[in-house]
Amino acid sequence: MSGYDSILPEGRGVWIPIDHGTSDYPAKGLENLEEIITAVVKGGADAIIAHKGVISAFGHLHPGHMIAHLSASTRHGGGRADDKVLVGSCEEMLSRGAVAVSVQVNLGSEFEADMIERMGAVTEEAHLLAMPSLGMVYARGPGLQIMPEDDTNGIAHAVRLGFELGCDVVKTSWTGSASSFSKVTAGVPIPVLIAGGDSEMGDLGLLKMIHQAVMAGASGVCMGRQIFTHPNPENITKAIVQIVHEGATAEEAFAIL
């Protein structure tokens, strides 16, 4: 598939989303997009996920490694703030220089059905264009109904939904333990990337979480705030790359910082 090897070399990836300025701004760490993109590229990020305007303006900083996020909402949306609507097409994103696309579903949202329909439309178009697609699927809506035996708290279902709807890669939350996350990754034959998690865990805590996730079958990370709000985005990216691509332990990666 076109673009897949460049953003997920040997099936693993360190992807940095910087799409947060659409839903919330001012956003710490995203005031200077050229600076943060340059830093994470130097750190070895395999891909950057951004909205189309950012890709058009700054895609030249990491050509062949830009993923266009097609879902958007803002903090001002009231009761529909968690309803991620589509703001572009795969064909448009190719023309802007993206090599892949991303779309979000919030499992348990009042608007879940609409987001599922949108994801299906995006994966259809992406498939026809041989364009990789990322599903950001989160189990966090007010309508979430966790099955009694599900110690992943709906995260396994979220990832399975993304896979069954045709996503080539899925991003989701950490379940809190390697044993429960292994059930998430075992349920799908596609790469699963973990989100950033608790911002209060500190650098070593973050790296330990990433290492546990990789040991439990994760193919890497898809983390934004933990990177772009960090005092040294380049070095935290390098540390994560060491775990994901080089098999380093959390402690070995921490030495970079």
C-alpha atoms as a PDB file:
ATOM      1  CA  MET A   1       0.000   0.000   0.000  1.00  0.00           C
ATOM      2  CA  SER A   2       1.391   3.403  -1.002  1.00  0.00           C
ATOM      3  CA  GLY A   3       3.046   5.273   1.874  1.00  0.00           C
ATOM      4  CA  TYR A   4       2.707   2.425   4.377  1.00  0.00           C
ATOM      5  CA  ASP A   5       6.377   1.458   4.676  1.00  0.00           C
ATOM      6  CA  SER A   6       7.519   5.045   5.157  1.00  0.00           C
ATOM      7  CA  ILE A   7       5.229   5.699   8.123  1.00  0.00           C
ATOM      8  CA  LEU A   8       5.266   2.209   9.662  1.00  0.00           C
ATOM      9  CA  PRO A   9       8.711   0.736   8.954  1.00  0.00           C
ATOM     10  CA  GLU A  10       8.817  -2.996   9.698  1.00  0.00           C
ATOM     11  CA  GLY A  11       5.316  -2.717  11.097  1.00  0.00           C
ATOM     12  CA  ARG A  12       6.199  -0.289  13.902  1.00  0.00           C
ATOM     13  CA  GLY A  13       5.607   3.402  14.277  1.00  0.00           C
ATOM     14  CA  VAL A  14       6.138   6.500  16.364  1.00  0.00           C
ATOM     15  CA  TRP A  15       3.376   8.833  15.236  1.00  0.00           C
ATOM     16  CA  ILE A  16       2.896  12.340  16.622  1.00  0.00           C
ATOM     17  CA  PRO A  17      -0.575  13.929  16.337  1.00  0.00           C
ATOM     18  CA  ILE A  18      -0.568  17.734  16.365  1.00  0.00           C
ATOM     19  CA  ASP A  19      -4.229  18.175  15.391  1.00  0.00           C
ATOM     20  CA  HIS A  20      -5.236  19.472  18.833  1.00  0.00           C
ATOM     21  CA  GLY A  21      -5.306  23.134  17.793  1.00  0.00           C
ATOM     22  CA  THR A  22      -8.555  22.512  15.936  1.00  0.00           C
ATOM     23  CA  SER A  23     -10.463  21.378  19.012  1.00  0.00           C
ATOM     24  CA  ASP A  24      -8.632  23.568  21.560  1.00  0.00           C
ATOM     25  CA  TYR A  25      -6.536  26.685  21.151  1.00  0.00           C
ATOM     26  CA  PRO A  26      -4.351  28.192  22.540  1.00  0.00           C
ATOM     27  CA  ALA A  27      -2.624  24.819  22.971  1.00  0.00           C
ATOM     28  CA  LYS A  28       0.670  24.658  24.849  1.00  0.00           C
ATOM     29  CA  GLY A  29       3.453  23.416  22.610  1.00  0.00           C
ATOM     30  CA  LEU A  30       1.623  24.110  19.349  1.00  0.00           C
ATOM     31  CA  GLU A  31       2.164  27.863  19.183  1.00  0.00           C
ATOM     32  CA  ASN A  32       5.051  27.410  16.721  1.00  0.00           C
ATOM     33  CA  LEU A  33       4.223  24.542  14.392  1.00  0.00           C
ATOM     34  CA  GLU A  34       7.451  24.751  12.402  1.00  0.00           C
ATOM     35  CA  GLU A  35       9.461  24.433  15.606  1.00  0.00           C
ATOM     36  CA  ILE A  36       7.605  21.412  17.002  1.00  0.00           C
ATOM     37  CA  ILE A  37       7.514  19.586  13.671  1.00  0.00           C
ATOM     38  CA  THR A  38      11.240  20.147  13.182  1.00  0.00           C
ATOM     39  CA  ALA A  39      11.940  18.861  16.700  1.00  0.00           C
ATOM     40  CA  VAL A  40      10.020  15.602  16.399  1.00  0.00           C
ATOM     41  CA  VAL A  41      11.419  14.957  12.919  1.00  0.00           C
ATOM     42  CA  LYS A  42      14.920  15.287  14.377  1.00  0.00           C
ATOM     43  CA  GLY A  43      13.811  12.913  17.116  1.00  0.00           C
ATOM     44  CA  GLY A  44      12.923  10.257  14.543  1.00  0.00           C
ATOM     45  CA  ALA A  45       9.130  10.422  14.349  1.00  0.00           C
ATOM     46  CA  ASP A  46       7.819   8.146  11.599  1.00  0.00           C
ATOM     47  CA  ALA A  47       4.711  10.231  10.966  1.00  0.00           C
ATOM     48  CA  ILE A  48       2.974  13.448  11.962  1.00  0.00           C
ATOM     49  CA  ILE A  49      -0.812  13.644  12.076  1.00  0.00           C
ATOM     50  CA  ALA A  50      -2.290  17.055  11.335  1.00  0.00           C
ATOM     51  CA  HIS A  51      -5.207  18.808   9.725  1.00  0.00           C
ATOM     52  CA  LYS A  52      -5.077  19.718   6.068  1.00  0.00           C
ATOM     53  CA  GLY A  53      -4.121  23.367   6.464  1.00  0.00           C
ATOM     54  CA  VAL A  54      -1.104  22.401   8.544  1.00  0.00           C
ATOM     55  CA  ILE A  55      -0.049  19.807   5.965  1.00  0.00           C
ATOM     56  CA  SER A  56      -0.295  22.336   3.157  1.00  0.00           C
ATOM     57  CA  ALA A  57       1.775  24.872   5.104  1.00  0.00           C
ATOM     58  CA  PHE A  58       4.316  22.622   6.827  1.00  0.00           C
ATOM     59  CA  GLY A  59       4.242  19.242   5.075  1.00  0.00           C
ATOM     60  CA  HIS A  60       7.555  20.040   3.398  1.00  0.00           C
ATOM     61  CA  LEU A  61       9.223  19.587   6.798  1.00  0.00           C
ATOM     62  CA  HIS A  62       8.495  15.851   6.735  1.00  0.00           C
ATOM     63  CA  PRO A  63       7.504  14.939   3.158  1.00  0.00           C
ATOM     64  CA  GLY A  64       6.131  11.449   2.693  1.00  0.00           C
ATOM     65  CA  HIS A  65       5.350  11.145   6.389  1.00  0.00           C
ATOM     66  CA  MET A  66       2.262  13.337   6.861  1.00  0.00           C
ATOM     67  CA  ILE A  67      -1.113  11.867   7.847  1.00  0.00           C
ATOM     68  CA  ALA A  68      -4.207  14.011   7.383  1.00  0.00           C
ATOM     69  CA  HIS A  69      -6.786  13.930  10.179  1.00  0.00           C
ATOM     70  CA  LEU A  70     -10.253  14.164   8.673  1.00  0.00           C
ATOM     71  CA  SER A  71     -12.276  14.437  11.900  1.00  0.00           C
ATOM     72  CA  ALA A  72     -12.969  17.668  13.758  1.00  0.00           C
ATOM     73  CA  SER A  73     -14.997  19.305  16.501  1.00  0.00           C
ATOM     74  CA  THR A  74     -14.305  22.124  18.963  1.00  0.00           C
ATOM     75  CA  ARG A  75     -14.754  22.784  22.660  1.00  0.00           C
ATOM     76  CA  HIS A  76     -17.503  25.227  21.700  1.00  0.00           C
ATOM     77  CA  GLY A  77     -19.788  22.548  20.265  1.00  0.00           C
ATOM     78  CA  GLY A  78     -21.977  22.220  23.333  1.00  0.00           C
ATOM     79  CA  GLY A  79     -23.804  18.898  23.378  1.00  0.00           C
ATOM     80  CA  ARG A  80     -22.126  17.947  20.098  1.00  0.00           C
ATOM     81  CA  ALA A  81     -18.545  18.651  21.163  1.00  0.00           C
ATOM     82  CA  ASP A  82     -17.695  14.944  20.939  1.00  0.00           C
ATOM     83  CA  ASP A  83     -19.302  14.550  17.496  1.00  0.00           C
ATOM     84  CA  LYS A  84     -16.358  14.323  15.105  1.00  0.00           C
ATOM     85  CA  VAL A  85     -17.476  15.447  11.651  1.00  0.00           C
ATOM     86  CA  LEU A  86     -15.578  14.993   8.385  1.00  0.00           C
ATOM     87  CA  VAL A  87     -13.715  18.028   7.043  1.00  0.00           C
ATOM     88  CA  GLY A  88     -12.160  16.650   3.862  1.00  0.00           C
ATOM     89  CA  SER A  89     -11.681  13.699   1.557  1.00  0.00           C
ATOM     90  CA  CYS A  90      -8.876  11.245   0.909  1.00  0.00           C
ATOM     91  CA  GLU A  91      -8.429  12.530  -2.628  1.00  0.00           C
ATOM     92  CA  GLU A  92      -8.030  16.084  -1.375  1.00  0.00           C
ATOM     93  CA  MET A  93      -5.456  14.993   1.210  1.00  0.00           C
ATOM     94  CA  LEU A  94      -3.378  13.246  -1.450  1.00  0.00           C
ATOM     95  CA  SER A  95      -3.273  16.508  -3.391  1.00  0.00           C
ATOM     96  CA  ARG A  96      -2.095  18.316  -0.253  1.00  0.00           C
ATOM     97  CA  GLY A  97       0.788  15.901   0.257  1.00  0.00           C
ATOM     98  CA  ALA A  98      -0.595  13.456   2.827  1.00  0.00           C
ATOM     99  CA  VAL A  99       0.302   9.773   2.479  1.00  0.00           C
ATOM    100  CA  ALA A 100      -2.440   8.502   4.808  1.00  0.00           C
ATOM    101  CA  VAL A 101      -5.620   9.643   6.513  1.00  0.00           C
ATOM    102  CA  SER A 102      -7.044   9.465  10.011  1.00  0.00           C
ATOM    103  CA  VAL A 103     -10.625   9.438  11.284  1.00  0.00           C
ATOM    104  CA  GLN A 104     -12.061   9.312  14.807  1.00  0.00           C
ATOM    105  CA  VAL A 105     -14.918   7.470  16.502  1.00  0.00           C
ATOM    106  CA  ASN A 106     -15.917   8.010  20.136  1.00  0.00           C
ATOM    107  CA  LEU A 107     -17.494   4.756  21.259  1.00  0.00           C
ATOM    108  CA  GLY A 108     -20.467   5.398  23.542  1.00  0.00           C
ATOM    109  CA  SER A 109     -21.104   8.915  22.247  1.00  0.00           C
ATOM    110  CA  GLU A 110     -24.649   9.971  21.472  1.00  0.00           C
ATOM    111  CA  PHE A 111     -23.361  10.477  17.933  1.00  0.00           C
ATOM    112  CA  GLU A 112     -21.530   7.164  17.689  1.00  0.00           C
ATOM    113  CA  ALA A 113     -23.618   5.904  14.762  1.00  0.00           C
ATOM    114  CA  ASP A 114     -22.819   8.979  12.666  1.00  0.00           C
ATOM    115  CA  MET A 115     -19.104   8.668  13.368  1.00  0.00           C
ATOM    116  CA  ILE A 116     -19.150   4.975  12.480  1.00  0.00           C
ATOM    117  CA  GLU A 117     -20.802   5.819   9.167  1.00  0.00           C
ATOM    118  CA  ARG A 118     -18.156   8.472   8.470  1.00  0.00           C
ATOM    119  CA  MET A 119     -15.348   6.051   9.271  1.00  0.00           C
ATOM    120  CA  GLY A 120     -16.816   3.533   6.848  1.00  0.00           C
ATOM    121  CA  ALA A 121     -16.960   6.155   4.106  1.00  0.00           C
ATOM    122  CA  VAL A 122     -13.345   7.202   4.703  1.00  0.00           C
ATOM    123  CA  THR A 123     -11.962   3.661   4.734  1.00  0.00           C
ATOM    124  CA  GLU A 124     -13.860   2.921   1.515  1.00  0.00           C
ATOM    125  CA  GLU A 125     -12.321   5.893  -0.278  1.00  0.00           C
ATOM    126  CA  ALA A 126      -8.885   5.232   1.198  1.00  0.00           C
ATOM    127  CA  HIS A 127      -9.006   1.601   0.098  1.00  0.00           C
ATOM    128  CA  LEU A 128      -9.881   2.566  -3.466  1.00  0.00           C
ATOM    129  CA  LEU A 129      -6.959   4.994  -3.521  1.00  0.00           C
ATOM    130  CA  ALA A 130      -4.540   2.488  -1.905  1.00  0.00           C
ATOM    131  CA  MET A 131      -4.090   5.004   0.920  1.00  0.00           C
ATOM    132  CA  PRO A 132      -3.471   3.769   4.490  1.00  0.00           C
ATOM    133  CA  SER A 133      -6.085   4.758   7.061  1.00  0.00           C
ATOM    134  CA  LEU A 134      -5.776   5.241  10.808  1.00  0.00           C
ATOM    135  CA  GLY A 135      -8.757   4.834  13.103  1.00  0.00           C
ATOM    136  CA  MET A 136      -8.619   6.801  16.339  1.00  0.00           C
ATOM    137  CA  VAL A 137     -11.202   4.855  18.324  1.00  0.00           C
ATOM    138  CA  TYR A 138     -11.832   5.661  21.969  1.00  0.00           C
ATOM    139  CA  ALA A 139     -14.136   3.934  24.444  1.00  0.00           C
ATOM    140  CA  ARG A 140     -15.158   6.938  26.522  1.00  0.00           C
ATOM    141  CA  GLY A 141     -18.667   8.142  25.752  1.00  0.00           C
ATOM    142  CA  PRO A 142     -21.520   8.426  28.278  1.00  0.00           C
ATOM    143  CA  GLY A 143     -23.415   5.592  26.587  1.00  0.00           C
ATOM    144  CA  LEU A 144     -20.603   3.088  27.013  1.00  0.00           C
ATOM    145  CA  GLN A 145     -21.832  -0.275  28.263  1.00  0.00           C
ATOM    146  CA  ILE A 146     -18.908  -2.364  29.473  1.00  0.00           C
ATOM    147  CA  MET A 147     -19.444  -6.140  29.426  1.00  0.00           C
ATOM    148  CA  PRO A 148     -18.956  -7.691  32.889  1.00  0.00           C
ATOM    149  CA  GLU A 149     -15.968  -9.818  31.854  1.00  0.00           C
ATOM    150  CA  ASP A 150     -14.242  -7.068  29.846  1.00  0.00           C
ATOM    151  CA  ASP A 151     -11.185  -5.918  31.808  1.00  0.00           C
ATOM    152  CA  THR A 152     -10.183  -3.698  28.864  1.00  0.00           C
ATOM    153  CA  ASN A 153     -13.149  -1.423  29.657  1.00  0.00           C
ATOM    154  CA  GLY A 154     -14.339  -1.368  26.053  1.00  0.00           C
ATOM    155  CA  ILE A 155     -10.931  -0.698  24.518  1.00  0.00           C
ATOM    156  CA  ALA A 156     -10.737  -4.142  22.903  1.00  0.00           C
ATOM    157  CA  HIS A 157     -14.123  -3.462  21.324  1.00  0.00           C
ATOM    158  CA  ALA A 158     -12.970  -0.038  20.124  1.00  0.00           C
ATOM    159  CA  VAL A 159      -9.950  -1.516  18.375  1.00  0.00           C
ATOM    160  CA  ARG A 160     -11.971  -4.365  16.921  1.00  0.00           C
ATOM    161  CA  LEU A 161     -14.462  -1.849  15.517  1.00  0.00           C
ATOM    162  CA  GLY A 162     -11.689   0.054  13.750  1.00  0.00           C
ATOM    163  CA  PHE A 163     -10.316  -3.147  12.251  1.00  0.00           C
ATOM    164  CA  GLU A 164     -13.690  -4.427  11.091  1.00  0.00           C
ATOM    165  CA  LEU A 165     -14.508  -1.078   9.487  1.00  0.00           C
ATOM    166  CA  GLY A 166     -11.384  -1.342   7.335  1.00  0.00           C
ATOM    167  CA  CYS A 167      -8.773   0.738   9.162  1.00  0.00           C
ATOM    168  CA  ASP A 168      -5.183  -0.320   8.477  1.00  0.00           C
ATOM    169  CA  VAL A 169      -3.976   0.924  11.870  1.00  0.00           C
ATOM    170  CA  VAL A 170      -5.870   1.735  15.076  1.00  0.00           C
ATOM    171  CA  LYS A 171      -4.988   4.143  17.865  1.00  0.00           C
ATOM    172  CA  THR A 172      -6.528   3.675  21.283  1.00  0.00           C
ATOM    173  CA  SER A 173      -5.961   4.134  24.998  1.00  0.00           C
ATOM    174  CA  TRP A 174      -3.750   2.092  27.304  1.00  0.00           C
ATOM    175  CA  THR A 175      -5.766  -0.359  29.373  1.00  0.00           C
ATOM    176  CA  GLY A 176      -3.605  -0.061  32.465  1.00  0.00           C
ATOM    177  CA  SER A 177      -1.867  -3.439  32.344  1.00  0.00           C
ATOM    178  CA  ALA A 178       0.010  -5.651  29.919  1.00  0.00           C
ATOM    179  CA  SER A 179      -2.340  -8.570  30.569  1.00  0.00           C
ATOM    180  CA  SER A 180      -5.450  -6.623  29.610  1.00  0.00           C
ATOM    181  CA  PHE A 181      -3.790  -4.840  26.677  1.00  0.00           C
ATOM    182  CA  SER A 182      -2.638  -8.153  25.233  1.00  0.00           C
ATOM    183  CA  LYS A 183      -6.336  -8.977  24.793  1.00  0.00           C
ATOM    184  CA  VAL A 184      -6.721  -5.781  22.765  1.00  0.00           C
ATOM    185  CA  THR A 185      -3.886  -6.587  20.382  1.00  0.00           C
ATOM    186  CA  ALA A 186      -4.776 -10.282  20.142  1.00  0.00           C
ATOM    187  CA  GLY A 187      -8.214  -9.410  18.803  1.00  0.00           C
ATOM    188  CA  VAL A 188      -7.001  -7.766  15.579  1.00  0.00           C
ATOM    189  CA  PRO A 189      -4.425  -8.564  12.865  1.00  0.00           C
ATOM    190  CA  ILE A 190      -3.482  -4.912  12.308  1.00  0.00           C
ATOM    191  CA  PRO A 191      -1.057  -2.591  14.142  1.00  0.00           C
ATOM    192  CA  VAL A 192      -2.348  -1.008  17.356  1.00  0.00           C
ATOM    193  CA  LEU A 193      -0.797   2.248  18.569  1.00  0.00           C
ATOM    194  CA  ILE A 194      -1.290   3.602  22.070  1.00  0.00           C
ATOM    195  CA  ALA A 195      -2.293   7.124  23.034  1.00  0.00           C
ATOM    196  CA  GLY A 196      -0.432   9.190  25.600  1.00  0.00           C
ATOM    197  CA  GLY A 197      -2.332   8.499  28.763  1.00  0.00           C
ATOM    198  CA  ASP A 198      -1.960  10.343  32.073  1.00  0.00           C
ATOM    199  CA  SER A 199       0.185  13.471  31.704  1.00  0.00           C
ATOM    200  CA  GLU A 200       1.149  13.259  35.384  1.00  0.00           C
ATOM    201  CA  MET A 201       3.062   9.964  35.134  1.00  0.00           C
ATOM    202  CA  GLY A 202       6.399  11.615  34.350  1.00  0.00           C
ATOM    203  CA  ASP A 203       8.958  10.677  31.708  1.00  0.00           C
ATOM    204  CA  LEU A 204      10.002   7.352  33.182  1.00  0.00           C
ATOM    205  CA  GLY A 205       6.390   6.389  33.849  1.00  0.00           C
ATOM    206  CA  LEU A 206       5.508   7.192  30.242  1.00  0.00           C
ATOM    207  CA  LEU A 207       8.401   5.134  28.899  1.00  0.00           C
ATOM    208  CA  LYS A 208       7.491   2.216  31.157  1.00  0.00           C
ATOM    209  CA  MET A 209       3.910   2.324  29.857  1.00  0.00           C
ATOM    210  CA  ILE A 210       5.161   2.294  26.265  1.00  0.00           C
ATOM    211  CA  HIS A 211       7.509  -0.614  26.947  1.00  0.00           C
ATOM    212  CA  GLN A 212       4.710  -2.614  28.599  1.00  0.00           C
ATOM    213  CA  ALA A 213       2.424  -1.917  25.666  1.00  0.00           C
ATOM    214  CA  VAL A 214       5.030  -3.033  23.124  1.00  0.00           C
ATOM    215  CA  MET A 215       5.635  -6.209  25.123  1.00  0.00           C
ATOM    216  CA  ALA A 216       1.856  -6.765  25.058  1.00  0.00           C
ATOM    217  CA  GLY A 217       1.699  -6.516  21.268  1.00  0.00           C
ATOM    218  CA  ALA A 218       1.426  -2.794  20.531  1.00  0.00           C
ATOM    219  CA  SER A 219       3.144  -1.688  17.345  1.00  0.00           C
ATOM    220  CA  GLY A 220       4.128   1.702  18.691  1.00  0.00           C
ATOM    221  CA  VAL A 221       2.643   4.977  19.810  1.00  0.00           C
ATOM    222  CA  CYS A 222       0.399   7.716  18.535  1.00  0.00           C
ATOM    223  CA  MET A 223       1.018  10.437  21.137  1.00  0.00           C
ATOM    224  CA  GLY A 224       0.563  14.173  20.963  1.00  0.00           C
ATOM    225  CA  ARG A 225       0.460  16.142  24.216  1.00  0.00           C
ATOM    226  CA  GLN A 226       3.063  13.960  25.932  1.00  0.00           C
ATOM    227  CA  ILE A 227       5.440  15.028  23.145  1.00  0.00           C
ATOM    228  CA  PHE A 228       4.639  18.587  22.120  1.00  0.00           C
ATOM    229  CA  THR A 229       4.223  19.877  25.701  1.00  0.00           C
ATOM    230  CA  HIS A 230       7.478  18.243  26.805  1.00  0.00           C
ATOM    231  CA  PRO A 231      10.403  20.553  27.667  1.00  0.00           C
ATOM    232  CA  ASN A 232      12.496  18.674  25.097  1.00  0.00           C
ATOM    233  CA  PRO A 233      10.240  17.235  22.348  1.00  0.00           C
ATOM    234  CA  GLU A 234      13.200  16.032  20.291  1.00  0.00           C
ATOM    235  CA  ASN A 235      14.715  13.953  23.074  1.00  0.00           C
ATOM    236  CA  ILE A 236      11.455  12.438  24.343  1.00  0.00           C
ATOM    237  CA  THR A 237      10.769  11.412  20.749  1.00  0.00           C
ATOM    238  CA  LYS A 238      14.239   9.843  20.533  1.00  0.00           C
ATOM    239  CA  ALA A 239      13.610   7.944  23.759  1.00  0.00           C
ATOM    240  CA  ILE A 240      10.311   6.559  22.486  1.00  0.00           C
ATOM    241  CA  VAL A 241      11.928   5.592  19.166  1.00  0.00           C
ATOM    242  CA  GLN A 242      14.510   3.584  21.114  1.00  0.00           C
ATOM    243  CA  ILE A 243      11.765   1.491  22.727  1.00  0.00           C
ATOM    244  CA  VAL A 244       9.576   1.066  19.650  1.00  0.00           C
ATOM    245  CA  HIS A 245      12.256   0.499  17.020  1.00  0.00           C
ATOM    246  CA  GLU A 246      15.367  -0.582  18.901  1.00  0.00           C
ATOM    247  CA  GLY A 247      13.907  -2.754  21.653  1.00  0.00           C
ATOM    248  CA  ALA A 248      15.286  -0.640  24.494  1.00  0.00           C
ATOM    249  CA  THR A 249      13.948  -0.902  28.025  1.00  0.00           C
ATOM    250  CA  ALA A 250      12.291   2.103  29.651  1.00  0.00           C
ATOM    251  CA  GLU A 251      15.374   2.710  31.762  1.00  0.00           C
ATOM    252  CA  GLU A 252      17.704   2.552  28.752  1.00  0.00           C
ATOM    253  CA  ALA A 253      15.488   4.987  26.842  1.00  0.00           C
ATOM    254  CA  PHE A 254      15.229   7.273  29.861  1.00  0.00           C
ATOM    255  CA  ALA A 255      19.015   7.729  29.783  1.00  0.00           C
ATOM    256  CA  ILE A 256      18.558   9.805  26.607  1.00  0.00           C
ATOM    257  CA  LEU A 257      16.728  12.402  28.656  1.00  0.00           C
END
